[in-house]
PDB file of N, CA and C in Angstrom:
ATOM      1  N   MET A   1     224.651  73.009 144.517  1.00  0.00           N
ATOM      2  CA  MET A   1     225.933  72.585 143.794  1.00  0.00           C
ATOM      3  C   MET A   1     226.082  71.087 144.051  1.00  0.00           C
ATOM      4  N   ASN A   2     226.307  71.607 145.361  1.00  0.00           N
ATOM      5  CA  ASN A   2     227.079  70.170 146.412  1.00  0.00           C
ATOM      6  C   ASN A   2     226.162  68.814 145.681  1.00  0.00           C
ATOM      7  N   TYR A   3     225.082  68.962 145.727  1.00  0.00           N
ATOM      8  CA  TYR A   3     224.285  67.719 145.851  1.00  0.00           C
ATOM      9  C   TYR A   3     224.095  67.238 144.150  1.00  0.00           C
ATOM     10  N   PHE A   4     224.359  68.234 142.940  1.00  0.00           N
ATOM     11  CA  PHE A   4     224.295  67.246 141.778  1.00  0.00           C
ATOM     12  C   PHE A   4     226.457  66.034 142.182  1.00  0.00           C
ATOM     13  N   VAL A   5     227.121  67.001 143.020  1.00  0.00           N
ATOM     14  CA  VAL A   5     227.966  65.527 143.438  1.00  0.00           C
ATOM     15  C   VAL A   5     227.719  64.962 144.345  1.00  0.00           C
ATOM     16  N   LEU A   6     227.083  64.819 145.466  1.00  0.00           N
ATOM     17  CA  LEU A   6     226.926  64.045 146.723  1.00  0.00           C
ATOM     18  C   LEU A   6     225.607  62.837 145.670  1.00  0.00           C
ATOM     19  N   ILE A   7     224.551  63.509 145.420  1.00  0.00           N
ATOM     20  CA  ILE A   7     223.115  62.350 145.098  1.00  0.00           C
ATOM     21  C   ILE A   7     224.533  60.872 144.952  1.00  0.00           C
ATOM     22  N   PRO A   8     224.982  61.348 142.966  1.00  0.00           N
ATOM     23  CA  PRO A   8     225.716  60.531 142.488  1.00  0.00           C
ATOM     24  C   PRO A   8     226.441  59.427 143.389  1.00  0.00           C
ATOM     25  N   VAL A   9     227.082  59.982 144.307  1.00  0.00           N
ATOM     26  CA  VAL A   9     228.472  59.547 144.687  1.00  0.00           C
ATOM     27  C   VAL A   9     227.701  58.855 145.419  1.00  0.00           C
ATOM     28  N   SER A  10     226.100  59.227 146.588  1.00  0.00           N
ATOM     29  CA  SER A  10     225.816  57.968 147.027  1.00  0.00           C
ATOM     30  C   SER A  10     225.361  57.157 147.168  1.00  0.00           C
ATOM     31  N   ILE A  11     224.573  57.173 145.610  1.00  0.00           N
ATOM     32  CA  ILE A  11     224.451  55.629 144.571  1.00  0.00           C
ATOM     33  C   ILE A  11     225.269  54.706 144.835  1.00  0.00           C
ATOM     34  N   ALA A  12     226.097  55.326 143.822  1.00  0.00           N
ATOM     35  CA  ALA A  12     227.161  54.851 143.117  1.00  0.00           C
ATOM     36  C   ALA A  12     228.299  53.831 144.563  1.00  0.00           C
ATOM     37  N   LEU A  13     227.415  54.406 145.845  1.00  0.00           N
ATOM     38  CA  LEU A  13     228.271  53.539 147.081  1.00  0.00           C
ATOM     39  C   LEU A  13     227.732  52.470 147.447  1.00  0.00           C
ATOM     40  N   GLY A  14     225.848  52.797 146.850  1.00  0.00           N
ATOM     41  CA  GLY A  14     224.949  51.858 147.706  1.00  0.00           C
ATOM     42  C   GLY A  14     225.291  51.383 146.736  1.00  0.00           C
ATOM     43  N   LEU A  15     225.061  50.727 145.580  1.00  0.00           N
ATOM     44  CA  LEU A  15     225.334  49.666 144.806  1.00  0.00           C
ATOM     45  C   LEU A  15     225.936  49.555 144.769  1.00  0.00           C
ATOM     46  N   ILE A  16     227.343  48.817 144.915  1.00  0.00           N
ATOM     47  CA  ILE A  16     228.567  49.234 145.490  1.00  0.00           C
ATOM     48  C   ILE A  16     228.478  47.664 146.821  1.00  0.00           C
ATOM     49  N   GLY A  17     227.889  48.853 147.392  1.00  0.00           N
ATOM     50  CA  GLY A  17     228.232  47.735 148.878  1.00  0.00           C
ATOM     51  C   GLY A  17     226.606  46.477 148.319  1.00  0.00           C
ATOM     52  N   LEU A  18     226.032  46.796 147.677  1.00  0.00           N
ATOM     53  CA  LEU A  18     225.286  46.140 147.203  1.00  0.00           C
ATOM     54  C   LEU A  18     225.162  45.068 146.259  1.00  0.00           C
ATOM     55  N   ALA A  19     226.066  44.840 145.760  1.00  0.00           N
ATOM     56  CA  ALA A  19     227.658  44.134 145.045  1.00  0.00           C
ATOM     57  C   ALA A  19     228.060  43.644 145.818  1.00  0.00           C
ATOM     58  N   ALA A  20     229.002  43.974 146.674  1.00  0.00           N
ATOM     59  CA  ALA A  20     230.161  43.660 147.472  1.00  0.00           C
ATOM     60  C   ALA A  20     229.071  42.832 147.763  1.00  0.00           C
ATOM     61  N   PHE A  21     227.215  42.792 148.652  1.00  0.00           N
ATOM     62  CA  PHE A  21     226.656  42.361 149.452  1.00  0.00           C
ATOM     63  C   PHE A  21     226.080  40.742 148.252  1.00  0.00           C
ATOM     64  N   PHE A  22     225.775  40.509 147.384  1.00  0.00           N
ATOM     65  CA  PHE A  22     225.575  39.289 146.130  1.00  0.00           C
ATOM     66  C   PHE A  22     226.840  38.823 145.980  1.00  0.00           C
ATOM     67  N   TRP A  23     227.697  39.126 146.069  1.00  0.00           N
ATOM     68  CA  TRP A  23     228.743  38.626 145.338  1.00  0.00           C
ATOM     69  C   TRP A  23     229.087  37.655 146.882  1.00  0.00           C
ATOM     70  N   ALA A  24     229.362  38.525 148.380  1.00  0.00           N
ATOM     71  CA  ALA A  24     229.232  38.125 149.229  1.00  0.00           C
ATOM     72  C   ALA A  24     228.452  36.608 149.268  1.00  0.00           C
ATOM     73  N   LEU A  25     227.582  36.166 149.020  1.00  0.00           N
ATOM     74  CA  LEU A  25     225.428  35.037 149.282  1.00  0.00           C
ATOM     75  C   LEU A  25     226.877  34.718 147.815  1.00  0.00           C
ATOM     76  N   ARG A  26     227.210  35.467 146.870  1.00  0.00           N
ATOM     77  CA  ARG A  26     227.029  33.511 145.817  1.00  0.00           C
ATOM     78  C   ARG A  26     228.386  33.341 146.000  1.00  0.00           C
ATOM     79  N   HIS A  27     229.503  33.719 146.692  1.00  0.00           N
ATOM     80  CA  HIS A  27     230.602  33.093 147.081  1.00  0.00           C
ATOM     81  C   HIS A  27     230.189  31.830 148.641  1.00  0.00           C
ATOM     82  N   ALA A  28     229.888  31.769 148.666  1.00  0.00           N
ATOM     83  CA  ALA A  28     228.568  30.930 150.408  1.00  0.00           C
ATOM     84  C   ALA A  28     229.671  32.156 151.024  1.00  0.00           C
ATOM     85  N   GLN A  29     230.279  33.020 151.219  1.00  0.00           N
ATOM     86  CA  GLN A  29     230.195  33.326 152.083  1.00  0.00           C
ATOM     87  C   GLN A  29     229.350  33.206 154.009  1.00  0.00           C
ATOM     88  N   TYR A  30     228.153  33.072 153.908  1.00  0.00           N
ATOM     89  CA  TYR A  30     227.212  33.263 154.650  1.00  0.00           C
ATOM     90  C   TYR A  30     226.685  31.573 154.578  1.00  0.00           C
ATOM     91  N   ASP A  31     227.055  30.515 154.078  1.00  0.00           N
ATOM     92  CA  ASP A  31     226.383  29.623 154.416  1.00  0.00           C
ATOM     93  C   ASP A  31     226.725  29.006 155.749  1.00  0.00           C
ATOM     94  N   ASP A  32     228.048  29.785 156.298  1.00  0.00           N
ATOM     95  CA  ASP A  32     228.017  28.539 157.882  1.00  0.00           C
ATOM     96  C   ASP A  32     228.430  29.640 159.328  1.00  0.00           C
ATOM     97  N   LEU A  33     227.413  29.743 159.765  1.00  0.00           N
ATOM     98  CA  LEU A  33     227.303  30.927 160.396  1.00  0.00           C
ATOM     99  C   LEU A  33     227.717  30.456 161.769  1.00  0.00           C
ATOM    100  N   ASP A  34     227.908  29.219 161.822  1.00  0.00           N
ATOM    101  CA  ASP A  34     228.233  28.899 163.341  1.00  0.00           C
ATOM    102  C   ASP A  34     228.989  28.397 163.533  1.00  0.00           C
ATOM    103  N   GLY A  35     229.881  28.047 162.662  1.00  0.00           N
ATOM    104  CA  GLY A  35     230.942  27.498 162.470  1.00  0.00           C
ATOM    105  C   GLY A  35     232.104  27.479 163.218  1.00  0.00           C
ATOM    106  N   ALA A  36     233.072  28.811 162.486  1.00  0.00           N
ATOM    107  CA  ALA A  36     233.555  29.522 163.173  1.00  0.00           C
ATOM    108  C   ALA A  36     232.888  30.219 164.694  1.00  0.00           C
ATOM    109  N   ALA A  37     232.338  29.937 165.830  1.00  0.00           N
ATOM    110  CA  ALA A  37     231.855  30.022 167.313  1.00  0.00           C
ATOM    111  C   ALA A  37     231.627  29.231 167.716  1.00  0.00           C
ATOM    112  N   ALA A  38     231.623  27.383 167.226  1.00  0.00           N
ATOM    113  CA  ALA A  38     231.909  26.564 167.415  1.00  0.00           C
ATOM    114  C   ALA A  38     233.976  26.521 167.111  1.00  0.00           C
ATOM    115  N   ARG A  39     234.030  26.381 166.446  1.00  0.00           N
ATOM    116  CA  ARG A  39     235.739  26.106 166.366  1.00  0.00           C
ATOM    117  C   ARG A  39     236.192  26.573 167.156  1.00  0.00           C
ATOM    118  N   ILE A  40     235.601  28.407 167.644  1.00  0.00           N
ATOM    119  CA  ILE A  40     237.130  28.614 168.764  1.00  0.00           C
ATOM    120  C   ILE A  40     236.920  28.225 169.611  1.00  0.00           C
ATOM    121  N   LEU A  41     236.622  27.899 170.283  1.00  0.00           N
ATOM    122  CA  LEU A  41     234.654  26.633 171.605  1.00  0.00           C
ATOM    123  C   LEU A  41     236.522  25.380 172.477  1.00  0.00           C
ATOM    124  N   THR A  42     236.441  24.941 170.649  1.00  0.00           N
ATOM    125  CA  THR A  42     237.333  23.715 170.710  1.00  0.00           C
ATOM    126  C   THR A  42     238.448  23.532 170.015  1.00  0.00           C
ATOM    127  N   ALA A  43     238.813  24.580 169.364  1.00  0.00           N
ATOM    128  CA  ALA A  43     240.487  24.869 169.631  1.00  0.00           C
ATOM    129  C   ALA A  43     241.775  24.548 170.208  1.00  0.00           C
ATOM    130  N   PRO A  44     241.998  24.180 169.598  1.00  0.00           N
ATOM    131  CA  PRO A  44     243.207  23.550 171.221  1.00  0.00           C
ATOM    132  C   PRO A  44     244.098  24.824 171.523  1.00  0.00           C
ATOM    133  N   ASP A  45     244.431  24.607 173.454  1.00  0.00           N
ATOM    134  CA  ASP A  45     244.751  26.090 173.421  1.00  0.00           C
ATOM    135  C   ASP A  45     246.254  26.200 172.958  1.00  0.00           C
ATOM    136  N   ARG A  46     246.587  25.438 173.447  1.00  0.00           N
ATOM    137  CA  ARG A  46     248.795  25.495 172.143  1.00  0.00           C
ATOM    138  C   ARG A  46     248.741  25.263 171.123  1.00  0.00           C
ATOM    139  N   PRO A  47     249.872  25.995 170.605  1.00  0.00           N
ATOM    140  CA  PRO A  47     250.129  26.325 169.466  1.00  0.00           C
ATOM    141  C   PRO A  47     249.975  24.455 168.614  1.00  0.00           C
ATOM    142  N   GLU A  48     249.915  24.251 167.165  1.00  0.00           N
ATOM    143  CA  GLU A  48     250.344  23.055 166.958  1.00  0.00           C
ATOM    144  C   GLU A  48     251.637  22.552 166.851  1.00  0.00           C
ATOM    145  N   HIS A  49     252.249  23.600 166.590  1.00  0.00           N
ATOM    146  CA  HIS A  49     253.726  23.193 166.174  1.00  0.00           C
ATOM    147  C   HIS A  49     254.243  24.252 167.687  1.00  0.00           C
ATOM    148  N   PRO A  50     255.707  23.961 168.012  1.00  0.00           N
ATOM    149  CA  PRO A  50     256.368  24.643 169.337  1.00  0.00           C
ATOM    150  C   PRO A  50     257.460  25.336 168.457  1.00  0.00           C
ATOM    151  N   PRO A  51     257.713  26.524 169.167  1.00  0.00           N
ATOM    152  CA  PRO A  51     258.607  27.705 167.994  1.00  0.00           C
ATOM    153  C   PRO A  51     260.010  26.907 168.164  1.00  0.00           C
ATOM    154  N   ALA A  52     260.096  28.280 166.924  1.00  0.00           N
ATOM    155  CA  ALA A  52     261.462  27.349 166.379  1.00  0.00           C
ATOM    156  C   ALA A  52     262.649  27.678 167.671  1.00  0.00           C
ATOM    157  N   LYS A  53     263.450  27.915 167.384  1.00  0.00           N
ATOM    158  CA  LYS A  53     264.721  27.341 168.306  1.00  0.00           C
ATOM    159  C   LYS A  53     265.358  29.400 168.303  1.00  0.00           C
ATOM    160  N   ALA A  54     265.739  29.586 166.649  1.00  0.00           N
ATOM    161  CA  ALA A  54     265.605  31.618 166.647  1.00  0.00           C
ATOM    162  C   ALA A  54     264.242  31.676 167.634  1.00  0.00           C
ATOM    163  N   ASP A  55     263.390  31.285 167.672  1.00  0.00           N
ATOM    164  CA  ASP A  55     262.143  32.061 167.823  1.00  0.00           C
ATOM    165  C   ASP A  55     262.734  32.301 169.233  1.00  0.00           C
ATOM    166  N   ARG A  56     262.448  31.127 170.016  1.00  0.00           N
ATOM    167  CA  ARG A  56     262.764  30.955 172.071  1.00  0.00           C
ATOM    168  C   ARG A  56     264.036  32.380 172.037  1.00  0.00           C
ATOM    169  N   ASP A  57     265.106  32.340 171.328  1.00  0.00           N
ATOM    170  CA  ASP A  57     266.119  33.232 172.322  1.00  0.00           C
ATOM    171  C   ASP A  57     266.109  34.344 171.547  1.00  0.00           C
ATOM    172  N   ARG A  58     265.145  34.357 170.253  1.00  0.00           N
ATOM    173  CA  ARG A  58     264.635  36.469 171.084  1.00  0.00           C
ATOM    174  C   ARG A  58     264.041  36.491 171.287  1.00  0.00           C
ATOM    175  N   ALA A  59     263.221  35.491 171.527  1.00  0.00           N
ATOM    176  CA  ALA A  59     261.012  36.191 172.987  1.00  0.00           C
ATOM    177  C   ALA A  59     262.781  35.866 173.799  1.00  0.00           C
ATOM    178  N   GLY A  60     263.497  35.473 174.425  1.00  0.00           N
ATOM    179  CA  GLY A  60     264.139  35.295 175.846  1.00  0.00           C
ATOM    180  C   GLY A  60     265.225  36.487 175.836  1.00  0.00           C
ATOM    181  N   SER A  61     265.836  37.060 175.202  1.00  0.00           N
ATOM    182  CA  SER A  61     266.844  38.267 174.686  1.00  0.00           C
ATOM    183  C   SER A  61     265.970  39.475 175.864  1.00  0.00           C
ATOM    184  N   GLY A  62     264.635  39.657 176.179  1.00  0.00           N
ATOM    185  CA  GLY A  62     264.023  40.909 176.149  1.00  0.00           C
ATOM    186  C   GLY A  62     264.237  42.167 175.697  1.00  0.00           C
ATOM    187  N   PHE A  63     264.923  41.921 174.375  1.00  0.00           N
ATOM    188  CA  PHE A  63     264.192  42.621 173.736  1.00  0.00           C
ATOM    189  C   PHE A  63     262.711  43.018 173.521  1.00  0.00           C
TER     190      PHE A  63
END
């Protein structure tokens, strides 16, 4: 009796996964596979903007 529920649920989940994959293909999610890997190597080691004074005060308070 449980198979009458489990089989349609598994087919529906498979179709949802397939639809998500085709959506990702259509919206160019797989176009630049090496860009993020190279970007992490060329990113600066320090933040672009220094933290605000309130953030510096909060960081040094010990809490």
